[in-house]
Amino acid sequence: MKSILLFLLTASLFTAFVGDLLQFSTRTTSSILRIADASTHLSSLSMLINRVGAATALLLIGYLLDTGTNSKTLATAFCVFLLMISAVYFIYSIYLTKFILLESRLIAKLYSLPNIDILTEGKRAKIEHRYSNIAKPAFYDISLVYCISLLGFLLPSIAASHYVEYRATLLQSGFILNSLSTIYFTLVCERKQAHILINASSAEKIMFTKVFMRSRSLGTLLSVTILVSASLFM
């Protein structure tokens, strides 16, 4: 029974963060297609997937903690999820142009729009990547902020499974890390992202999205290292 719940936990976490990935991806595609009004609706659809996954995951985490699941078991489930989502971010960055092309066709059908030649923009992105520094300063910022955000979501659960008497306090403490990472991401990283999506060429938007996805992949791997280390010391 517990193994099934751990599988469901991993799957629901994966679903939640795929929804988050789609939210950023659809913003980029909408910007390339120049349909800012549709971006809000597409982001809402993506975040709906995120919310369903997150709500299910939080319910499962609560039940597993209440039934005495130990920290190493939870850490294992979290690390499996993190490795999966890190691989998705990296694979997505490699085949980004194809994914955006697929998204653009789906969006064109949904809103009855003409298709845009995304493949040409993807080739241009490879050329401009050699000469542009537009995304380089954001790489490590995004990696670190995303790592902190993930730890704020997952680390308190591991700590709560070990220090049962402070379980409620530890679970709530995750909002502190999440708030800090959100403040920095909103004021620094997202400001740069918005500037690129509004002012940059389509090729530069594709290039920035590649850097964004790879930086998140790196941040996820960093959070795995920290989670494993934390579970070993508990």
C-alpha atoms as a PDB file:
ATOM      1  CA  MET A   1       0.000   0.000   0.000  1.00  0.00           C
ATOM      2  CA  LYS A   2       2.749   2.456   0.968  1.00  0.00           C
ATOM      3  CA  SER A   3       4.695   1.745  -2.219  1.00  0.00           C
ATOM      4  CA  ILE A   4       1.594   2.651  -4.253  1.00  0.00           C
ATOM      5  CA  LEU A   5       1.211   5.904  -2.308  1.00  0.00           C
ATOM      6  CA  LEU A   6       4.882   6.750  -2.895  1.00  0.00           C
ATOM      7  CA  PHE A   7       4.424   6.100  -6.614  1.00  0.00           C
ATOM      8  CA  LEU A   8       1.363   8.354  -6.650  1.00  0.00           C
ATOM      9  CA  LEU A   9       3.328  11.012  -4.750  1.00  0.00           C
ATOM     10  CA  THR A  10       6.131  10.936  -7.330  1.00  0.00           C
ATOM     11  CA  ALA A  11       3.605  11.051 -10.189  1.00  0.00           C
ATOM     12  CA  SER A  12       1.637  13.954  -8.682  1.00  0.00           C
ATOM     13  CA  LEU A  13       4.816  15.976  -8.037  1.00  0.00           C
ATOM     14  CA  PHE A  14       5.919  15.300 -11.610  1.00  0.00           C
ATOM     15  CA  THR A  15       2.521  16.433 -12.916  1.00  0.00           C
ATOM     16  CA  ALA A  16       2.670  19.628 -10.851  1.00  0.00           C
ATOM     17  CA  PHE A  17       6.073  20.652 -12.165  1.00  0.00           C
ATOM     18  CA  VAL A  18       5.308  19.691 -15.767  1.00  0.00           C
ATOM     19  CA  GLY A  19       2.403  22.118 -15.455  1.00  0.00           C
ATOM     20  CA  ASP A  20       4.854  24.769 -14.289  1.00  0.00           C
ATOM     21  CA  LEU A  21       7.131  24.018 -17.254  1.00  0.00           C
ATOM     22  CA  LEU A  22       4.208  24.357 -19.659  1.00  0.00           C
ATOM     23  CA  GLN A  23       3.264  27.686 -18.095  1.00  0.00           C
ATOM     24  CA  PHE A  24       6.634  29.181 -19.029  1.00  0.00           C
ATOM     25  CA  SER A  25       6.781  27.393 -22.378  1.00  0.00           C
ATOM     26  CA  THR A  26       3.367  28.673 -23.485  1.00  0.00           C
ATOM     27  CA  ARG A  27       4.368  32.213 -22.488  1.00  0.00           C
ATOM     28  CA  THR A  28       7.377  31.961 -24.807  1.00  0.00           C
ATOM     29  CA  THR A  29       5.356  30.482 -27.666  1.00  0.00           C
ATOM     30  CA  SER A  30       2.610  33.091 -27.224  1.00  0.00           C
ATOM     31  CA  SER A  31       5.221  35.830 -27.311  1.00  0.00           C
ATOM     32  CA  ILE A  32       6.714  34.462 -30.540  1.00  0.00           C
ATOM     33  CA  LEU A  33       3.229  34.230 -32.068  1.00  0.00           C
ATOM     34  CA  ARG A  34       2.487  37.748 -30.733  1.00  0.00           C
ATOM     35  CA  ILE A  35      -0.778  36.741 -29.061  1.00  0.00           C
ATOM     36  CA  ALA A  36      -0.383  38.289 -25.625  1.00  0.00           C
ATOM     37  CA  ASP A  37      -4.106  38.062 -24.862  1.00  0.00           C
ATOM     38  CA  ALA A  38      -4.105  34.277 -25.309  1.00  0.00           C
ATOM     39  CA  SER A  39      -1.052  33.937 -23.058  1.00  0.00           C
ATOM     40  CA  THR A  40      -3.156  34.541 -19.938  1.00  0.00           C
ATOM     41  CA  HIS A  41      -5.587  31.757 -20.835  1.00  0.00           C
ATOM     42  CA  LEU A  42      -2.792  29.333 -21.755  1.00  0.00           C
ATOM     43  CA  SER A  43      -0.920  30.099 -18.516  1.00  0.00           C
ATOM     44  CA  SER A  44      -4.121  29.479 -16.554  1.00  0.00           C
ATOM     45  CA  LEU A  45      -4.584  26.092 -18.235  1.00  0.00           C
ATOM     46  CA  SER A  46      -0.980  25.173 -17.452  1.00  0.00           C
ATOM     47  CA  MET A  47      -1.280  26.287 -13.834  1.00  0.00           C
ATOM     48  CA  LEU A  48      -4.474  24.233 -13.515  1.00  0.00           C
ATOM     49  CA  ILE A  49      -2.356  21.143 -14.189  1.00  0.00           C
ATOM     50  CA  ASN A  50       0.153  22.427 -11.648  1.00  0.00           C
ATOM     51  CA  ARG A  51      -2.498  22.990  -8.969  1.00  0.00           C
ATOM     52  CA  VAL A  52      -4.087  19.546  -9.389  1.00  0.00           C
ATOM     53  CA  GLY A  53      -0.685  17.854  -9.089  1.00  0.00           C
ATOM     54  CA  ALA A  54       0.412  20.005  -6.136  1.00  0.00           C
ATOM     55  CA  ALA A  55      -2.850  19.521  -4.225  1.00  0.00           C
ATOM     56  CA  THR A  56      -2.635  15.741  -4.657  1.00  0.00           C
ATOM     57  CA  ALA A  57       1.025  15.714  -3.645  1.00  0.00           C
ATOM     58  CA  LEU A  58       0.411  17.760  -0.482  1.00  0.00           C
ATOM     59  CA  LEU A  59      -2.436  15.456   0.533  1.00  0.00           C
ATOM     60  CA  LEU A  60      -0.230  12.382   0.049  1.00  0.00           C
ATOM     61  CA  ILE A  61       2.679  13.960   1.913  1.00  0.00           C
ATOM     62  CA  GLY A  62       0.381  14.737   4.852  1.00  0.00           C
ATOM     63  CA  TYR A  63      -0.943  11.177   4.952  1.00  0.00           C
ATOM     64  CA  LEU A  64       2.535   9.643   4.687  1.00  0.00           C
ATOM     65  CA  LEU A  65       3.774  11.824   7.543  1.00  0.00           C
ATOM     66  CA  ASP A  66       0.749  10.963   9.684  1.00  0.00           C
ATOM     67  CA  THR A  67       1.354   7.248   9.145  1.00  0.00           C
ATOM     68  CA  GLY A  68       4.991   7.450  10.208  1.00  0.00           C
ATOM     69  CA  THR A  69       6.887   7.307   6.911  1.00  0.00           C
ATOM     70  CA  ASN A  70      10.588   7.837   7.639  1.00  0.00           C
ATOM     71  CA  SER A  71      12.746  10.598   6.192  1.00  0.00           C
ATOM     72  CA  LYS A  72      14.858   8.350   3.954  1.00  0.00           C
ATOM     73  CA  THR A  73      11.778   6.863   2.264  1.00  0.00           C
ATOM     74  CA  LEU A  74      10.387  10.324   1.548  1.00  0.00           C
ATOM     75  CA  ALA A  75      13.778  11.558   0.372  1.00  0.00           C
ATOM     76  CA  THR A  76      14.014   8.625  -2.060  1.00  0.00           C
ATOM     77  CA  ALA A  77      10.602   9.442  -3.579  1.00  0.00           C
ATOM     78  CA  PHE A  78      11.535  13.124  -3.840  1.00  0.00           C
ATOM     79  CA  CYS A  79      14.885  12.358  -5.476  1.00  0.00           C
ATOM     80  CA  VAL A  80      13.253  10.078  -8.071  1.00  0.00           C
ATOM     81  CA  PHE A  81      10.846  12.894  -8.924  1.00  0.00           C
ATOM     82  CA  LEU A  82      13.653  15.471  -9.084  1.00  0.00           C
ATOM     83  CA  LEU A  83      15.788  13.339 -11.388  1.00  0.00           C
ATOM     84  CA  MET A  84      12.772  12.803 -13.657  1.00  0.00           C
ATOM     85  CA  ILE A  85      11.902  16.499 -13.877  1.00  0.00           C
ATOM     86  CA  SER A  86      15.564  17.469 -14.341  1.00  0.00           C
ATOM     87  CA  ALA A  87      15.752  15.096 -17.316  1.00  0.00           C
ATOM     88  CA  VAL A  88      12.527  16.586 -18.733  1.00  0.00           C
ATOM     89  CA  TYR A  89      13.914  20.139 -18.497  1.00  0.00           C
ATOM     90  CA  PHE A  90      17.148  19.116 -20.217  1.00  0.00           C
ATOM     91  CA  ILE A  91      15.442  17.095 -22.974  1.00  0.00           C
ATOM     92  CA  TYR A  92      12.972  19.937 -23.500  1.00  0.00           C
ATOM     93  CA  SER A  93      15.865  22.387 -23.955  1.00  0.00           C
ATOM     94  CA  ILE A  94      17.525  20.122 -26.536  1.00  0.00           C
ATOM     95  CA  TYR A  95      14.374  19.707 -28.646  1.00  0.00           C
ATOM     96  CA  LEU A  96      12.936  23.106 -27.794  1.00  0.00           C
ATOM     97  CA  THR A  97      12.298  24.226 -31.364  1.00  0.00           C
ATOM     98  CA  LYS A  98      10.287  21.091 -32.104  1.00  0.00           C
ATOM     99  CA  PHE A  99       8.274  21.458 -28.903  1.00  0.00           C
ATOM    100  CA  ILE A 100       7.528  25.109 -29.649  1.00  0.00           C
ATOM    101  CA  LEU A 101       6.555  24.177 -33.205  1.00  0.00           C
ATOM    102  CA  LEU A 102       4.102  21.611 -31.809  1.00  0.00           C
ATOM    103  CA  GLU A 103       2.747  24.139 -29.299  1.00  0.00           C
ATOM    104  CA  SER A 104       2.347  26.792 -31.997  1.00  0.00           C
ATOM    105  CA  ARG A 105       0.310  24.396 -34.138  1.00  0.00           C
ATOM    106  CA  LEU A 106      -1.917  23.471 -31.194  1.00  0.00           C
ATOM    107  CA  ILE A 107      -2.377  27.143 -30.295  1.00  0.00           C
ATOM    108  CA  ALA A 108      -3.094  28.029 -33.927  1.00  0.00           C
ATOM    109  CA  LYS A 109      -5.840  25.388 -33.986  1.00  0.00           C
ATOM    110  CA  LEU A 110      -7.228  26.459 -30.614  1.00  0.00           C
ATOM    111  CA  TYR A 111      -7.462  30.150 -31.550  1.00  0.00           C
ATOM    112  CA  SER A 112      -7.770  29.840 -35.369  1.00  0.00           C
ATOM    113  CA  LEU A 113      -4.428  31.520 -36.100  1.00  0.00           C
ATOM    114  CA  PRO A 114      -2.029  31.239 -39.061  1.00  0.00           C
ATOM    115  CA  ASN A 115       1.113  29.161 -38.499  1.00  0.00           C
ATOM    116  CA  ILE A 116       4.520  30.808 -38.058  1.00  0.00           C
ATOM    117  CA  ASP A 117       7.814  29.361 -39.305  1.00  0.00           C
ATOM    118  CA  ILE A 118       9.253  28.420 -35.891  1.00  0.00           C
ATOM    119  CA  LEU A 119      11.912  26.174 -37.477  1.00  0.00           C
ATOM    120  CA  THR A 120      13.525  29.167 -39.181  1.00  0.00           C
ATOM    121  CA  GLU A 121      13.542  31.051 -35.867  1.00  0.00           C
ATOM    122  CA  GLY A 122      15.142  28.010 -34.218  1.00  0.00           C
ATOM    123  CA  LYS A 123      17.972  27.999 -36.758  1.00  0.00           C
ATOM    124  CA  ARG A 124      18.414  31.713 -36.212  1.00  0.00           C
ATOM    125  CA  ALA A 125      18.606  31.108 -32.449  1.00  0.00           C
ATOM    126  CA  LYS A 126      21.576  28.774 -32.936  1.00  0.00           C
ATOM    127  CA  ILE A 127      23.384  31.468 -34.927  1.00  0.00           C
ATOM    128  CA  GLU A 128      22.557  34.330 -32.550  1.00  0.00           C
ATOM    129  CA  HIS A 129      23.559  32.228 -29.524  1.00  0.00           C
ATOM    130  CA  ARG A 130      27.205  32.583 -30.573  1.00  0.00           C
ATOM    131  CA  TYR A 131      27.105  36.364 -30.517  1.00  0.00           C
ATOM    132  CA  SER A 132      24.546  37.302 -27.874  1.00  0.00           C
ATOM    133  CA  ASN A 133      24.995  37.541 -24.102  1.00  0.00           C
ATOM    134  CA  ILE A 134      21.292  38.160 -23.545  1.00  0.00           C
ATOM    135  CA  ALA A 135      20.662  35.132 -21.310  1.00  0.00           C
ATOM    136  CA  LYS A 136      24.053  34.352 -19.754  1.00  0.00           C
ATOM    137  CA  PRO A 137      23.736  36.482 -16.573  1.00  0.00           C
ATOM    138  CA  ALA A 138      20.463  34.703 -15.676  1.00  0.00           C
ATOM    139  CA  PHE A 139      21.813  31.143 -15.803  1.00  0.00           C
ATOM    140  CA  TYR A 140      23.176  30.720 -12.273  1.00  0.00           C
ATOM    141  CA  ASP A 141      20.554  33.044 -10.768  1.00  0.00           C
ATOM    142  CA  ILE A 142      17.728  30.868 -12.072  1.00  0.00           C
ATOM    143  CA  SER A 143      19.503  27.650 -11.028  1.00  0.00           C
ATOM    144  CA  LEU A 144      20.017  28.826  -7.459  1.00  0.00           C
ATOM    145  CA  VAL A 145      16.556  30.358  -7.048  1.00  0.00           C
ATOM    146  CA  TYR A 146      14.870  27.247  -8.432  1.00  0.00           C
ATOM    147  CA  CYS A 147      16.928  25.021  -6.123  1.00  0.00           C
ATOM    148  CA  ILE A 148      15.830  27.085  -3.102  1.00  0.00           C
ATOM    149  CA  SER A 149      12.209  26.959  -4.265  1.00  0.00           C
ATOM    150  CA  LEU A 150      12.316  23.155  -4.579  1.00  0.00           C
ATOM    151  CA  LEU A 151      13.949  22.781  -1.176  1.00  0.00           C
ATOM    152  CA  GLY A 152      11.277  24.995   0.360  1.00  0.00           C
ATOM    153  CA  PHE A 153       8.658  22.605  -0.981  1.00  0.00           C
ATOM    154  CA  LEU A 154      10.386  19.289  -0.181  1.00  0.00           C
ATOM    155  CA  LEU A 155      12.946  19.689   2.618  1.00  0.00           C
ATOM    156  CA  PRO A 156      10.433  20.596   5.400  1.00  0.00           C
ATOM    157  CA  SER A 157       8.577  17.328   4.734  1.00  0.00           C
ATOM    158  CA  ILE A 158      11.753  15.315   5.251  1.00  0.00           C
ATOM    159  CA  ALA A 159      12.543  17.246   8.422  1.00  0.00           C
ATOM    160  CA  ALA A 160       8.952  16.811   9.665  1.00  0.00           C
ATOM    161  CA  SER A 161       9.181  13.032   9.270  1.00  0.00           C
ATOM    162  CA  HIS A 162      12.241  13.019  11.540  1.00  0.00           C
ATOM    163  CA  TYR A 163      11.295  15.683  14.118  1.00  0.00           C
ATOM    164  CA  VAL A 164       7.681  14.623  14.633  1.00  0.00           C
ATOM    165  CA  GLU A 165       7.082  16.886  17.633  1.00  0.00           C
ATOM    166  CA  TYR A 166       7.741  19.972  15.453  1.00  0.00           C
ATOM    167  CA  ARG A 167       5.983  18.619  12.364  1.00  0.00           C
ATOM    168  CA  ALA A 168       3.487  21.456  11.863  1.00  0.00           C
ATOM    169  CA  THR A 169       6.117  24.162  12.403  1.00  0.00           C
ATOM    170  CA  LEU A 170       8.564  22.544   9.995  1.00  0.00           C
ATOM    171  CA  LEU A 171       5.942  22.110   7.279  1.00  0.00           C
ATOM    172  CA  GLN A 172       4.998  25.786   7.522  1.00  0.00           C
ATOM    173  CA  SER A 173       8.663  26.845   7.437  1.00  0.00           C
ATOM    174  CA  GLY A 174       8.805  25.870   3.779  1.00  0.00           C
ATOM    175  CA  PHE A 175       6.888  29.034   2.925  1.00  0.00           C
ATOM    176  CA  ILE A 176       9.866  31.100   4.144  1.00  0.00           C
ATOM    177  CA  LEU A 177      12.228  29.593   1.559  1.00  0.00           C
ATOM    178  CA  ASN A 178       9.549  29.751  -1.121  1.00  0.00           C
ATOM    179  CA  SER A 179       8.834  33.403  -0.330  1.00  0.00           C
ATOM    180  CA  LEU A 180      12.526  34.362  -0.488  1.00  0.00           C
ATOM    181  CA  SER A 181      13.017  32.596  -3.815  1.00  0.00           C
ATOM    182  CA  THR A 182       9.794  34.097  -5.207  1.00  0.00           C
ATOM    183  CA  ILE A 183      10.824  37.630  -4.223  1.00  0.00           C
ATOM    184  CA  TYR A 184      14.211  37.304  -5.929  1.00  0.00           C
ATOM    185  CA  PHE A 185      12.800  35.556  -8.990  1.00  0.00           C
ATOM    186  CA  THR A 186      10.068  38.180  -9.433  1.00  0.00           C
ATOM    187  CA  LEU A 187      12.290  41.235  -8.928  1.00  0.00           C
ATOM    188  CA  VAL A 188      15.375  40.023 -10.822  1.00  0.00           C
ATOM    189  CA  CYS A 189      14.898  36.938 -13.018  1.00  0.00           C
ATOM    190  CA  GLU A 190      11.325  37.513 -14.163  1.00  0.00           C
ATOM    191  CA  ARG A 191      12.062  41.173 -14.898  1.00  0.00           C
ATOM    192  CA  LYS A 192      14.771  40.097 -17.332  1.00  0.00           C
ATOM    193  CA  GLN A 193      12.499  37.396 -18.738  1.00  0.00           C
ATOM    194  CA  ALA A 194       9.708  39.923 -19.335  1.00  0.00           C
ATOM    195  CA  HIS A 195      12.152  42.308 -21.036  1.00  0.00           C
ATOM    196  CA  ILE A 196      13.239  39.528 -23.407  1.00  0.00           C
ATOM    197  CA  LEU A 197       9.708  38.346 -24.187  1.00  0.00           C
ATOM    198  CA  ILE A 198       8.604  41.921 -24.941  1.00  0.00           C
ATOM    199  CA  ASN A 199      11.627  43.341 -26.772  1.00  0.00           C
ATOM    200  CA  ALA A 200      13.844  40.529 -28.099  1.00  0.00           C
ATOM    201  CA  SER A 201      13.672  38.781 -31.454  1.00  0.00           C
ATOM    202  CA  SER A 202      11.978  35.385 -31.753  1.00  0.00           C
ATOM    203  CA  ALA A 203      15.375  33.707 -32.072  1.00  0.00           C
ATOM    204  CA  GLU A 204      16.572  35.346 -28.857  1.00  0.00           C
ATOM    205  CA  LYS A 205      13.401  34.257 -27.060  1.00  0.00           C
ATOM    206  CA  ILE A 206      14.062  30.652 -28.100  1.00  0.00           C
ATOM    207  CA  MET A 207      17.682  30.942 -27.014  1.00  0.00           C
ATOM    208  CA  PHE A 208      16.722  32.386 -23.627  1.00  0.00           C
ATOM    209  CA  THR A 209      14.160  29.624 -23.082  1.00  0.00           C
ATOM    210  CA  LYS A 210      16.858  27.012 -23.734  1.00  0.00           C
ATOM    211  CA  VAL A 211      19.086  28.637 -21.129  1.00  0.00           C
ATOM    212  CA  PHE A 212      16.149  28.906 -18.721  1.00  0.00           C
ATOM    213  CA  MET A 213      15.287  25.198 -19.010  1.00  0.00           C
ATOM    214  CA  ARG A 214      18.901  24.084 -18.641  1.00  0.00           C
ATOM    215  CA  SER A 215      19.405  26.319 -15.621  1.00  0.00           C
ATOM    216  CA  ARG A 216      16.337  24.768 -13.999  1.00  0.00           C
ATOM    217  CA  SER A 217      17.711  21.320 -14.792  1.00  0.00           C
ATOM    218  CA  LEU A 218      20.958  22.244 -13.027  1.00  0.00           C
ATOM    219  CA  GLY A 219      19.079  23.719 -10.051  1.00  0.00           C
ATOM    220  CA  THR A 220      17.054  20.509  -9.744  1.00  0.00           C
ATOM    221  CA  LEU A 221      20.216  18.374  -9.662  1.00  0.00           C
ATOM    222  CA  LEU A 222      21.661  20.659  -6.996  1.00  0.00           C
ATOM    223  CA  SER A 223      18.535  20.190  -4.870  1.00  0.00           C
ATOM    224  CA  VAL A 224      18.933  16.388  -5.182  1.00  0.00           C
ATOM    225  CA  THR A 225      22.430  16.655  -3.722  1.00  0.00           C
ATOM    226  CA  ILE A 226      21.195  18.757  -0.802  1.00  0.00           C
ATOM    227  CA  LEU A 227      18.193  16.495  -0.114  1.00  0.00           C
ATOM    228  CA  VAL A 228      20.350  13.358  -0.089  1.00  0.00           C
ATOM    229  CA  SER A 229      22.842  15.011   2.257  1.00  0.00           C
ATOM    230  CA  ALA A 230      20.062  16.212   4.561  1.00  0.00           C
ATOM    231  CA  SER A 231      18.410  12.777   4.746  1.00  0.00           C
ATOM    232  CA  LEU A 232      21.731  11.121   5.610  1.00  0.00           C
ATOM    233  CA  PHE A 233      22.265  13.438   8.579  1.00  0.00           C
ATOM    234  CA  MET A 234      18.736  12.944   9.968  1.00  0.00           C
END
